[in-house]
Protein backbone atom coordinates (compact mmCIF):
# COMPACT_ATOMS: atom_id res chain seq x y z
CA MET A 1 -40.02 -48.20 11.15
CA ARG A 2 -37.49 -48.01 8.32
CA ARG A 3 -34.02 -46.48 8.27
CA ILE A 4 -33.03 -44.56 5.16
CA LYS A 5 -29.47 -43.63 4.21
CA LEU A 6 -28.74 -40.44 2.27
CA VAL A 7 -25.61 -39.33 0.39
CA VAL A 8 -25.59 -35.53 0.69
CA ALA A 9 -23.70 -32.97 -1.40
CA TYR A 10 -23.66 -29.30 -0.48
CA ASP A 11 -21.92 -25.99 -1.00
CA GLY A 12 -21.07 -24.99 2.56
CA THR A 13 -20.47 -21.30 1.82
CA ARG A 14 -23.60 -19.91 3.44
CA TYR A 15 -24.02 -22.56 6.14
CA CYS A 16 -22.69 -22.73 9.69
CA GLY A 17 -21.52 -26.29 9.21
CA TRP A 18 -23.46 -29.53 9.50
CA GLN A 19 -24.64 -29.68 13.10
CA ILE A 20 -27.62 -27.67 14.35
CA GLN A 21 -26.61 -24.60 16.35
CA PRO A 22 -28.39 -21.44 17.54
CA ASN A 23 -26.35 -18.84 15.63
CA GLY A 24 -27.01 -19.75 12.02
CA VAL A 25 -28.49 -22.10 9.42
CA THR A 26 -26.91 -25.57 9.14
CA ILE A 27 -27.18 -28.49 6.71
CA GLU A 28 -28.73 -30.71 9.39
CA GLU A 29 -31.45 -28.12 10.04
CA VAL A 30 -32.28 -27.78 6.34
CA LEU A 31 -32.53 -31.57 5.90
CA ASN A 32 -34.71 -32.03 9.00
CA ARG A 33 -37.14 -29.35 7.86
CA ALA A 34 -37.42 -30.62 4.26
CA LEU A 35 -37.81 -34.27 5.31
CA SER A 36 -40.44 -33.46 7.94
CA GLU A 37 -42.48 -31.57 5.34
CA LEU A 38 -42.11 -34.31 2.73
CA LEU A 39 -42.91 -37.27 4.99
CA ARG A 40 -45.39 -35.43 7.27
CA GLU A 41 -43.74 -36.66 10.44
CA PRO A 42 -40.97 -35.22 12.66
CA ILE A 43 -37.58 -36.25 11.24
CA GLU A 44 -34.11 -35.85 12.73
CA VAL A 45 -31.16 -36.98 10.63
CA ILE A 46 -27.96 -38.51 12.05
CA GLY A 47 -24.90 -37.33 10.14
CA ALA A 48 -21.66 -39.20 9.58
CA SER A 49 -19.29 -36.22 9.38
CA ARG A 50 -19.99 -32.95 11.18
CA THR A 51 -18.29 -30.62 8.74
CA ASP A 52 -17.39 -27.09 9.89
CA SER A 53 -18.78 -23.77 8.75
CA GLY A 54 -17.85 -23.11 5.13
CA VAL A 55 -16.70 -26.70 4.36
CA HIS A 56 -18.23 -28.35 1.30
CA SER A 57 -19.29 -31.93 0.58
CA ARG A 58 -19.74 -34.16 -2.42
CA GLY A 59 -20.58 -37.26 -0.39
CA ASN A 60 -21.49 -36.83 3.29
CA VAL A 61 -23.77 -39.54 4.70
CA ALA A 62 -26.82 -39.31 6.93
CA VAL A 63 -29.64 -41.59 8.07
CA PHE A 64 -33.13 -41.06 9.41
CA ASP A 65 -36.01 -43.23 10.61
CA THR A 66 -39.47 -43.03 9.09
CA GLU A 67 -42.87 -44.73 8.97
CA SER A 68 -43.35 -43.61 5.36
CA ARG A 69 -43.86 -46.23 2.65
CA ILE A 70 -42.28 -44.11 -0.10
CA PRO A 71 -39.72 -46.35 -1.88
CA ALA A 72 -36.28 -45.56 -0.46
CA ASP A 73 -34.67 -44.92 -3.87
CA LYS A 74 -37.38 -42.35 -4.74
CA ILE A 75 -36.93 -40.24 -1.61
CA CYS A 76 -33.86 -38.44 -3.02
CA PHE A 77 -35.82 -37.15 -6.02
CA ALA A 78 -38.77 -35.96 -3.94
CA LEU A 79 -36.54 -34.39 -1.31
CA ASN A 80 -34.41 -32.48 -3.83
CA GLN A 81 -37.59 -30.61 -4.94
CA ARG A 82 -37.79 -29.12 -1.43
CA LEU A 83 -34.13 -28.36 -0.80
CA PRO A 84 -32.27 -25.13 -1.65
CA GLU A 85 -30.15 -25.34 -4.78
CA ASP A 86 -26.88 -25.55 -2.80
CA VAL A 87 -27.93 -28.84 -1.14
CA ARG A 88 -28.64 -32.01 -3.12
CA ILE A 89 -29.22 -35.67 -2.21
CA GLN A 90 -27.13 -37.86 -4.52
CA ASN A 91 -28.61 -41.18 -3.47
CA SER A 92 -31.10 -42.70 -1.01
CA GLU A 93 -31.49 -46.32 0.04
CA GLU A 94 -32.88 -48.42 2.88
CA VAL A 95 -30.42 -49.88 5.41
CA ALA A 96 -30.68 -52.10 8.48
CA PRO A 97 -32.57 -50.50 11.41
CA ASP A 98 -29.40 -50.49 13.55
CA TRP A 99 -27.05 -49.14 10.84
CA HIS A 100 -25.31 -46.03 12.20
CA PRO A 101 -23.15 -43.82 9.97
CA ARG A 102 -20.62 -43.06 12.74
CA LYS A 103 -20.34 -46.61 14.08
CA GLN A 104 -19.23 -48.39 10.92
CA ASN A 105 -15.69 -48.86 9.62
CA CYS A 106 -15.34 -46.26 6.93
CA THR A 107 -12.75 -44.72 4.61
CA LYS A 108 -13.17 -40.96 4.29
CA THR A 109 -11.62 -38.89 1.52
CA TYR A 110 -11.10 -35.13 1.78
CA GLU A 111 -9.59 -32.71 -0.71
CA TYR A 112 -8.07 -29.31 0.01
CA ARG A 113 -7.67 -26.96 -2.97
CA ILE A 114 -5.14 -24.11 -3.18
CA LEU A 115 -5.00 -21.64 -6.07
CA ASN A 116 -1.27 -20.91 -6.29
CA ARG A 117 -0.60 -17.97 -8.61
CA LYS A 118 0.19 -14.25 -8.40
CA THR A 119 -3.38 -13.07 -9.04
CA ASP A 120 -6.56 -14.50 -7.57
CA MET A 121 -9.25 -15.86 -9.91
CA PRO A 122 -12.87 -14.95 -9.09
CA VAL A 123 -14.17 -18.16 -10.69
CA GLY A 124 -13.85 -20.92 -8.13
CA ARG A 125 -13.03 -18.53 -5.28
CA LEU A 126 -15.67 -20.16 -3.04
CA TYR A 127 -13.95 -23.57 -3.23
CA THR A 128 -10.22 -22.80 -3.21
CA HIS A 129 -7.86 -20.95 -0.89
CA PHE A 130 -5.70 -18.37 -2.68
CA CYS A 131 -1.97 -18.41 -1.91
CA TYR A 132 0.24 -15.68 -3.44
CA PHE A 133 3.59 -17.24 -2.45
CA ASP A 134 5.14 -19.86 -4.73
CA LEU A 135 4.68 -23.33 -3.23
CA ASP A 136 7.22 -26.09 -3.86
CA VAL A 137 4.95 -29.05 -4.63
CA GLU A 138 7.82 -31.54 -4.59
CA LYS A 139 8.70 -30.58 -1.00
CA MET A 140 5.02 -30.79 -0.01
CA GLN A 141 4.86 -34.30 -1.48
CA ARG A 142 7.92 -35.42 0.48
CA ALA A 143 6.47 -34.00 3.68
CA ALA A 144 3.07 -35.64 3.06
CA ALA A 145 4.71 -39.09 2.90
CA TYR A 146 5.65 -38.88 6.60
CA LEU A 147 1.97 -38.57 7.57
CA VAL A 148 0.84 -41.78 5.83
CA GLY A 149 0.18 -44.65 8.24
CA GLU A 150 -1.13 -44.83 11.78
CA HIS A 151 0.10 -42.07 14.09
CA ASP A 152 -0.91 -39.95 17.04
CA PHE A 153 -2.07 -36.78 15.27
CA LYS A 154 -2.38 -34.63 18.39
CA SER A 155 -0.18 -31.97 16.75
CA PHE A 156 -2.59 -31.79 13.82
CA CYS A 157 -5.90 -31.15 15.56
CA THR A 158 -7.77 -28.72 17.73
CA VAL A 159 -8.57 -30.90 20.72
CA ARG A 160 -12.06 -30.17 22.02
CA ASN A 161 -11.97 -32.98 24.60
CA PRO A 162 -8.67 -33.61 26.45
CA LEU A 163 -9.59 -37.31 26.80
CA GLU A 164 -10.17 -37.75 23.06
CA ASP A 165 -8.10 -40.46 21.39
CA THR A 166 -5.98 -38.66 18.81
CA VAL A 167 -4.70 -41.73 16.93
CA ARG A 168 -5.83 -41.96 13.31
CA ARG A 169 -4.76 -43.92 10.22
CA ILE A 170 -4.05 -42.22 6.88
CA TYR A 171 -4.08 -44.60 3.89
CA SER A 172 -2.89 -42.11 1.29
CA LEU A 173 -1.99 -38.41 1.07
CA THR A 174 -1.20 -36.90 -2.33
CA VAL A 175 -0.22 -33.39 -3.45
CA GLU A 176 -0.63 -32.51 -7.15
CA LYS A 177 -0.79 -29.28 -9.16
CA ASP A 178 -3.04 -29.09 -12.22
CA MET A 179 -2.82 -26.95 -15.39
CA ASP A 180 -5.00 -24.23 -13.78
CA ASP A 181 -2.47 -23.60 -10.98
CA VAL A 182 -4.64 -25.38 -8.42
CA ILE A 183 -2.83 -27.60 -5.91
CA HIS A 184 -4.97 -30.54 -4.80
CA ILE A 185 -4.16 -32.07 -1.40
CA ARG A 186 -6.16 -35.31 -1.24
CA VAL A 187 -6.15 -37.38 1.93
CA MET A 188 -7.84 -40.73 2.54
CA GLY A 189 -8.08 -42.21 6.03
CA SER A 190 -10.07 -44.15 8.59
CA GLY A 191 -11.26 -40.96 10.26
CA PHE A 192 -10.16 -37.42 11.04
CA LEU A 193 -9.90 -35.23 14.10
CA TYR A 194 -11.35 -31.74 14.47
CA ASN A 195 -9.59 -29.43 11.95
CA MET A 196 -7.06 -32.21 11.16
CA VAL A 197 -7.16 -31.93 7.36
CA ARG A 198 -7.05 -28.12 7.44
CA ILE A 199 -4.04 -28.15 9.79
CA ILE A 200 -2.29 -30.69 7.55
CA ALA A 201 -2.97 -28.37 4.59
CA GLY A 202 -1.68 -25.36 6.52
CA THR A 203 1.47 -27.25 7.54
CA LEU A 204 2.15 -28.45 3.99
CA MET A 205 1.78 -24.89 2.74
CA ARG A 206 4.38 -23.68 5.26
CA ILE A 207 6.73 -26.39 3.98
CA GLY A 208 5.96 -25.44 0.39
CA MET A 209 6.94 -21.85 1.23
CA GLY A 210 10.24 -23.04 2.67
CA ALA A 211 9.47 -22.25 6.32
CA TYR A 212 10.17 -25.88 7.33
CA PRO A 213 12.07 -28.70 5.61
CA PRO A 214 9.92 -31.73 4.68
CA GLU A 215 11.59 -33.85 7.39
CA TYR A 216 10.27 -31.46 10.05
CA VAL A 217 6.92 -33.28 9.83
CA LYS A 218 8.47 -36.17 11.78
CA GLU A 219 9.32 -33.78 14.63
CA ILE A 220 5.80 -32.32 14.57
CA LEU A 221 4.27 -35.79 14.89
CA ALA A 222 6.63 -36.82 17.69
CA ALA A 223 6.02 -33.63 19.68
CA ARG A 224 2.24 -34.15 19.94
CA ASP A 225 1.95 -30.40 20.35
CA ARG A 226 -0.47 -28.29 18.29
CA GLN A 227 1.90 -25.30 18.47
CA MET A 228 4.49 -27.18 16.39
CA ALA A 229 2.29 -27.51 13.29
CA GLY A 230 1.23 -24.88 10.77
CA ASP A 231 -1.88 -22.69 10.68
CA THR A 232 -5.39 -24.01 10.21
CA ALA A 233 -6.10 -23.41 6.52
CA PRO A 234 -9.38 -21.56 5.69
CA ALA A 235 -12.50 -23.73 5.54
CA LYS A 236 -13.60 -22.80 2.01
CA GLY A 237 -10.77 -24.84 0.42
CA LEU A 238 -11.95 -28.10 2.01
CA THR A 239 -14.38 -30.60 0.49
CA LEU A 240 -15.50 -33.96 1.87
CA VAL A 241 -15.23 -36.05 -1.29
CA SER A 242 -16.60 -39.44 -0.27
CA MET A 243 -17.26 -41.95 2.48
CA LYS A 244 -16.88 -45.63 1.63
CA TYR A 245 -18.13 -48.11 4.21
CA GLU A 246 -16.45 -51.45 4.80
CA THR A 247 -18.60 -54.38 3.64
CA GLU A 248 -16.43 -57.04 5.32
CA LEU A 249 -13.63 -57.05 7.87
CA ALA A 250 -10.06 -57.52 6.72
CA PRO A 251 -8.80 -60.89 8.00
CA GLU A 252 -5.87 -59.23 9.75
CA LEU A 253 -4.49 -55.78 10.54
CA ALA A 254 -0.73 -55.30 10.93
CA ILE A 255 0.43 -51.84 11.98
CA GLU A 256 3.96 -50.64 12.71
CA ASN A 257 5.41 -47.18 13.32
CA GLU A 258 8.04 -45.61 15.55
CA ASP A 259 5.78 -45.78 18.60
CA TRP A 260 4.11 -49.20 18.37
CA SER A 261 3.76 -52.47 16.46
CA TYR A 262 0.71 -54.75 16.66
CA GLN A 263 -1.52 -57.25 14.89
CA VAL A 264 -5.27 -57.70 15.15
CA ILE A 265 -6.55 -61.08 13.94
CA GLN A 266 -10.15 -60.52 12.82
CA ARG A 267 -10.86 -63.52 10.61
CA GLU A 268 -12.92 -65.27 13.33
CA ILE A 269 -15.07 -62.32 14.39
CA VAL A 270 -17.93 -63.11 12.02
CA THR A 271 -17.90 -66.91 12.38
CA LYS A 272 -16.98 -67.31 16.07
CA GLY A 273 -17.16 -63.88 17.64
CA LYS A 274 -13.42 -64.14 18.48
CA ALA A 275 -10.59 -61.67 17.99
CA TYR A 276 -6.89 -61.80 18.90
CA ILE A 277 -4.73 -58.74 19.60
CA LEU A 278 -0.93 -59.11 19.66
CA ILE A 279 1.03 -56.05 20.77
CA HIS A 280 4.68 -56.63 19.89
CA ARG A 281 6.06 -53.24 20.88
CA CYS A 282 4.73 -49.98 22.30
CA ARG A 283 5.91 -46.83 24.01
CA ARG A 284 5.04 -47.29 27.67
CA ASP A 285 3.13 -43.97 27.78
CA ASP A 286 0.94 -45.10 24.85
CA PHE A 287 0.27 -48.68 25.91
CA GLU A 288 -2.89 -48.20 27.97
CA ARG A 289 -4.57 -46.09 25.28
CA LEU A 290 -3.48 -48.45 22.51
CA ALA A 291 -4.83 -51.54 24.28
CA ALA A 292 -8.12 -49.82 25.12
CA ARG A 293 -8.55 -48.61 21.53
CA LEU A 294 -7.87 -52.00 19.95
CA ILE A 295 -10.11 -53.91 22.36
CA HIS A 296 -12.94 -51.44 21.84
CA GLN A 297 -12.54 -51.60 18.06
CA CYS A 298 -12.82 -55.41 18.12
CA HIS A 299 -15.88 -55.19 20.35
CA ARG A 300 -17.50 -52.64 18.05
CA ASP A 301 -16.80 -54.92 15.06
CA GLY A 302 -18.72 -57.75 16.71
CA ALA A 303 -16.16 -59.72 18.76
CA ARG A 304 -17.48 -61.06 22.06
CA GLU A 305 -14.37 -63.03 22.99
CA ILE A 306 -11.29 -60.83 22.72
CA TYR A 307 -7.84 -62.21 23.60
CA VAL A 308 -4.95 -59.81 24.14
CA LYS A 309 -1.23 -60.65 24.32
CA ALA A 310 1.56 -58.11 24.83
CA ALA A 311 5.34 -58.25 24.93
CA LYS A 312 6.66 -59.21 28.37
CA GLU A 313 8.20 -55.79 29.02
CA LEU A 314 4.73 -54.21 28.81
CA ARG A 315 3.72 -56.19 31.92
CA MET A 316 0.11 -56.96 31.16
CA THR A 317 -1.57 -58.71 34.11
CA SER A 318 -4.95 -60.00 35.21
CA GLY A 319 -7.18 -57.32 36.74
CA GLN A 320 -5.76 -54.43 34.70
CA ARG A 321 -8.34 -52.13 33.19
CA TYR A 322 -8.12 -50.61 29.73
CA GLY A 323 -10.92 -48.16 29.02
CA TYR A 324 -14.21 -49.98 29.56
CA TYR A 325 -12.52 -53.40 29.74
CA THR A 326 -10.84 -55.48 32.44
CA LEU A 327 -8.47 -58.38 31.77
CA GLU A 328 -8.60 -61.89 33.17
CA LYS A 329 -6.29 -64.79 32.38
CA GLY A 330 -7.22 -66.71 29.27
CA PHE A 331 -4.49 -69.12 28.18
CA PHE A 332 -0.80 -69.31 27.30
CA ASN A 333 1.25 -71.61 25.06
CA TYR A 334 3.98 -74.00 26.14
CA ILE A 335 7.04 -74.30 23.88
CA MET A 336 7.74 -78.04 23.64
CA GLU A 337 10.41 -80.07 21.88
CA LYS A 338 11.75 -83.58 21.49
CA GLN A 339 15.30 -84.51 20.59
CA ILE A 340 15.67 -87.12 17.85
CA SER A 341 18.18 -89.81 18.75
CA GLY A 342 18.78 -93.51 18.14
CA ASN A 343 16.56 -95.58 15.90
CA ASP A 344 13.45 -95.68 18.04
CA CYS A 345 11.65 -93.39 15.61
CA CYS A 346 11.70 -96.18 13.07
CA GLU A 347 10.05 -98.71 15.34
CA THR A 348 6.56 -99.86 14.51
CA PHE A 349 4.15 -98.44 17.05
CA SER A 350 1.02 -100.41 17.90
CA ALA A 351 -2.10 -99.23 19.74
CA GLY A 352 -4.70 -102.00 19.84
CA ASN A 353 -5.12 -103.10 16.26
CA LEU A 354 -3.58 -99.92 14.81
CA GLU A 355 -0.32 -100.44 12.92
CA ALA A 356 1.98 -97.56 12.04
CA ALA A 357 2.25 -98.86 8.49
CA SER A 358 -1.48 -98.26 7.96
CA VAL A 359 -1.17 -94.54 8.87
CA LYS A 360 0.22 -92.25 6.19
CA LEU A 361 0.75 -88.59 5.40
CA THR A 362 -0.55 -87.49 1.99
CA ALA A 363 0.28 -84.05 0.61
CA LEU A 364 -2.67 -81.69 0.24
CA ARG A 365 -3.52 -80.88 -3.37
CA LYS A 366 -5.15 -77.64 -4.46
CA LYS A 367 -8.31 -79.35 -5.64
CA ASP A 368 -8.87 -80.73 -2.11
CA GLU A 369 -8.24 -77.48 -0.23
CA ASP A 370 -11.93 -76.69 0.39
CA ARG A 371 -12.50 -80.06 2.08
CA TRP A 372 -9.29 -79.64 4.08
CA LEU A 373 -10.43 -76.21 5.28
CA GLU A 374 -13.84 -77.54 6.18
CA LEU A 375 -12.29 -80.28 8.30
CA TYR A 376 -9.75 -77.93 9.92
CA ASN A 377 -12.36 -75.35 10.92
CA GLU A 378 -14.63 -78.11 12.25
CA ILE A 379 -11.95 -79.67 14.47
CA PHE A 380 -10.43 -76.43 15.75
CA TYR A 381 -13.62 -74.38 16.01
CA SER A 382 -13.46 -73.94 19.79
CA VAL A 383 -9.75 -74.53 20.48
CA PRO A 384 -8.15 -71.45 22.15
CA GLY A 385 -5.64 -69.71 19.92
CA SER A 386 -6.67 -71.47 16.73
CA ALA A 387 -7.21 -69.32 13.65
CA THR A 388 -9.82 -69.80 10.95
CA TYR A 389 -7.91 -70.79 7.81
CA ASP A 390 -8.81 -69.91 4.24
CA ARG A 391 -7.17 -70.50 0.86
CA ALA A 392 -5.18 -67.26 1.13
CA MET A 393 -3.66 -68.40 4.43
CA ILE A 394 -2.71 -71.78 3.00
CA GLU A 395 -0.99 -70.08 0.06
CA LYS A 396 0.81 -67.60 2.33
CA GLU A 397 2.10 -70.31 4.68
CA ARG A 398 3.19 -72.51 1.79
CA LYS A 399 5.32 -69.63 0.52
CA ASN A 400 6.85 -69.41 4.01
CA GLY A 401 7.79 -73.10 3.91
CA SER A 402 4.85 -74.86 5.58
CA ARG A 403 3.68 -78.21 4.21
CA PHE A 404 0.04 -79.33 4.43
CA PHE A 405 -0.99 -83.01 4.73
CA TRP A 406 -3.92 -85.32 5.08
CA ILE A 407 -3.61 -88.07 7.70
CA THR A 408 -4.98 -91.30 6.25
CA LEU A 409 -5.77 -94.59 7.99
CA LYS A 410 -5.86 -97.51 5.54
CA GLY A 411 -6.48 -94.97 2.75
CA LYS A 412 -9.28 -93.14 4.52
CA ARG A 413 -8.82 -89.48 5.48
CA CYS A 414 -9.08 -89.05 9.22
CA GLY A 415 -7.24 -85.82 10.00
CA PHE A 416 -4.55 -83.38 8.93
CA ALA A 417 -1.13 -82.02 9.83
CA VAL A 418 0.88 -78.89 9.03
CA VAL A 419 4.67 -78.85 9.49
CA ALA A 420 7.61 -76.65 8.54
CA ALA A 421 11.29 -77.55 8.44
CA GLN A 422 13.51 -74.97 10.13
CA GLN A 423 16.96 -75.78 8.84
CA GLU A 424 18.72 -73.05 10.81
CA LYS A 425 17.49 -74.67 14.05
CA LYS A 426 17.75 -78.20 12.64
CA SER A 427 14.16 -78.80 13.71
CA LEU A 428 10.81 -79.81 12.29
CA HIS A 429 8.14 -77.46 13.63
CA ILE A 430 4.72 -79.09 14.00
CA ASP A 431 2.21 -76.33 13.42
CA MET A 432 -0.84 -78.45 14.09
CA ILE A 433 -2.30 -81.93 14.22
CA GLY A 434 -6.03 -82.55 13.96
CA ILE A 435 -7.89 -85.86 14.25
CA GLN A 436 -11.56 -86.29 13.39
CA LYS A 437 -13.75 -87.10 16.37
CA GLU A 438 -14.68 -90.62 15.24
CA PHE A 439 -11.01 -91.60 14.93
CA ARG A 440 -9.89 -90.42 18.35
CA GLY A 441 -8.82 -92.85 21.07
CA MET A 442 -7.17 -95.20 18.57
CA GLY A 443 -3.57 -94.03 19.07
CA LEU A 444 -3.48 -92.05 15.84
CA GLY A 445 -1.83 -89.05 17.48
CA ARG A 446 1.17 -90.95 18.84
CA THR A 447 1.52 -92.92 15.61
CA LEU A 448 1.54 -89.71 13.62
CA LEU A 449 4.23 -88.22 15.87
CA LYS A 450 6.38 -91.30 15.15
CA LEU A 451 5.90 -90.72 11.43
CA LEU A 452 6.89 -87.07 11.75
CA GLU A 453 9.93 -88.05 13.78
CA ALA A 454 10.97 -90.46 11.04
CA THR A 455 10.40 -87.74 8.43
CA ALA A 456 12.56 -85.28 10.37
CA ARG A 457 15.31 -87.86 10.74
CA GLU A 458 15.35 -88.49 6.99
CA MET A 459 15.72 -84.73 6.45
CA GLY A 460 18.76 -84.62 8.71
CA LEU A 461 16.96 -82.67 11.44
CA GLU A 462 17.70 -83.13 15.12
CA LYS A 463 14.49 -82.29 16.95
CA LEU A 464 10.73 -81.78 16.77
CA GLU A 465 9.16 -78.55 18.05
CA LEU A 466 5.61 -77.40 18.69
CA ILE A 467 3.54 -75.12 20.88
CA ALA A 468 0.47 -76.19 22.86
CA ALA A 469 -2.08 -74.20 24.87
CA ASN A 470 -2.03 -74.83 28.61
CA THR A 471 -5.81 -75.33 28.44
CA ASN A 472 -5.56 -78.10 25.82
CA LEU A 473 -4.99 -80.89 28.34
CA ALA A 474 -5.57 -83.77 25.92
CA ALA A 475 -2.88 -82.46 23.56
CA LEU A 476 -0.43 -81.88 26.41
CA ARG A 477 -0.88 -85.46 27.65
CA LEU A 478 -0.29 -86.77 24.13
CA TYR A 479 2.91 -84.77 23.59
CA GLU A 480 4.38 -85.58 27.00
CA SER A 481 3.63 -89.30 26.55
CA ALA A 482 5.46 -89.14 23.20
CA GLY A 483 8.58 -87.70 24.86
CA PHE A 484 8.12 -83.97 24.34
CA VAL A 485 9.51 -81.70 27.07
CA LYS A 486 8.33 -78.20 28.03
CA LYS A 487 11.13 -75.77 27.25
CA GLY A 488 9.42 -72.47 27.97
CA GLU A 489 6.22 -70.46 28.01
CA LYS A 490 4.92 -67.71 25.75
CA PRO A 491 3.17 -64.68 27.29
CA TRP A 492 -0.43 -65.05 28.44
CA PHE A 493 -3.39 -64.28 26.25
CA TYR A 494 -5.74 -62.28 28.47
CA LEU A 495 -9.48 -62.24 27.95
CA ALA A 496 -10.93 -58.71 27.86
CA LYS A 497 -14.30 -58.20 29.54
CA ASP A 498 -16.36 -55.11 30.07
CA GLU A 499 -17.89 -54.26 33.45
CA LYS A 500 -21.13 -56.10 32.70
CA ASN A 501 -19.42 -59.15 31.13
CA ARG A 502 -21.21 -58.62 27.84
CA LEU A 503 -18.26 -59.85 25.79
CA THR A 504 -18.71 -63.56 26.56
C-alpha cells in the first residue's frame, strides 16, 4: 500500500465546499470518484483544509492510499483527464504511509479579495467581494497589525464545538490595494478556525469604513465574544493560496502576548525524544488550556519525555491533569553559591597523583566547535534539564557573555566548562562542567572548581554561582564538598504522562 499526496486547485463556485455532504456536490466527492475510476479500486481522500461552500483553492492538500503501481508523479496528469475543468491537480508525489495532512505542522496562507470601487466589474466577480463604500486601507493595515502573533481568536470564529481550542498563531497579515482597485488581505498562520479569515476580512472592512477605530481590534480580541467582531465576509472572495509543511522542528519557540508568555524547547525531540515547556506567565483562566495544548503539541511532534515548569503563582502540582496528560514530579534545580574569601583558592589541590598545575582551561576556538559539541552532547545526553547544543547556541551565548573552554589534563582534552561573569552581582556563574567518563574519579571536578575560583578572584568577583538538578547526586556531592551552599530552589519540572503512560 502506498500513500500519495496531491496538491489540489479548484474554483469553488459551484461546489458545496470540500467535505462530502448529502445536499450538493463537493470537491472530495469529485476526487474520490475520479481516482476510483482511474485506479480501479475504491479511493477515499483525506483533505488538509475543509474549505466552505464557494471558497476557492490554489493549493489545498489531500492524500489517499492505493495498491496501484502508477508512478506517483504521473498520477496528477492522468487524474486531470478525468476531472471537471474547475478542479486540477497541481502536483502528486508519494509520502510516508503514516503521513497525514492534518497532523503535520503547517503554514497556511489565505487571501481575501475585495473590489473597492463605485461600480462592480463582471470580470473577476466570482473571486472577489464587491464593496461600494470607500475603504481606508491605511486604517485596515493598522488594525491588522494587532492580530499578528498568538492569540485566542474566539471573537473571530464561528465555534462549532464549545470545547474547541480557539488559540491560533498568525505569522503575517497584510492589506494592500492594487491598480485595479482590488484590496488583497493576505494572512499566513499555523492554522485557522471555522470562518476565521472571513470574519477577519469582515472586521477589517468595518474598520476601513470607519465604523471602528483600528485600536478596537484589541478590545475584540480581549472580549473573546463573536458578537464584538464584524460580519462574516462572503465566501467567494476567499482563496486558500498554499500550505507549506514543516520539514524540521524549530529548536525553540518563544511566545509572548498580553495573556501569556512561554518557551518550548524542541531541539532534543528528534535526538532524544525530550521536550521542555517553560510557562513564565499566564492568565489563570487560560492556564489549563495552555498547558494541555503545549504538552499535546510536543507529543504530536514526537516527544515522549515532556517536562513542564510554570511560574510559582500558577501552582502546578503532581497529579494535576491537563487534557489527556497527568503530571508527576520530575526534577528541580538547586541554586548554589560559594563566597570567595582568603587565599585558599590559590592553594595547590592534590587528589592522588593529580596536581592542580597540570589541569588547565583552554578557550574554545571556532575550528574546534564540532568536536566540543560532540563531547558535550555525549556527556549530557541523559542528564535531566540539559539542552542539546549546536553552533547557533554557542554563538548566541557568546554574545550574551558566556565563555566556552576545554578542560585539559597534561595537555590532553578531558572535558569542558562554560562560565559567565555577572559583574552586577559580582559573581562568576558556572553554566556547566563536563568530564569525560574515563577521566572521572581523579579529582578533576574539584580541581577545576579551584581554578574557576582563582579566575573569579583575579576578575575582582566575590562569589561563584551555579544551579544543579536535585537528581544529579554526583554533582551535588562534588559542589557541597567544594564549599558550595544551597541558597534556594527553582520550581519543579513536572513530567507529563498520558493515561496509558505512552510518553516514556
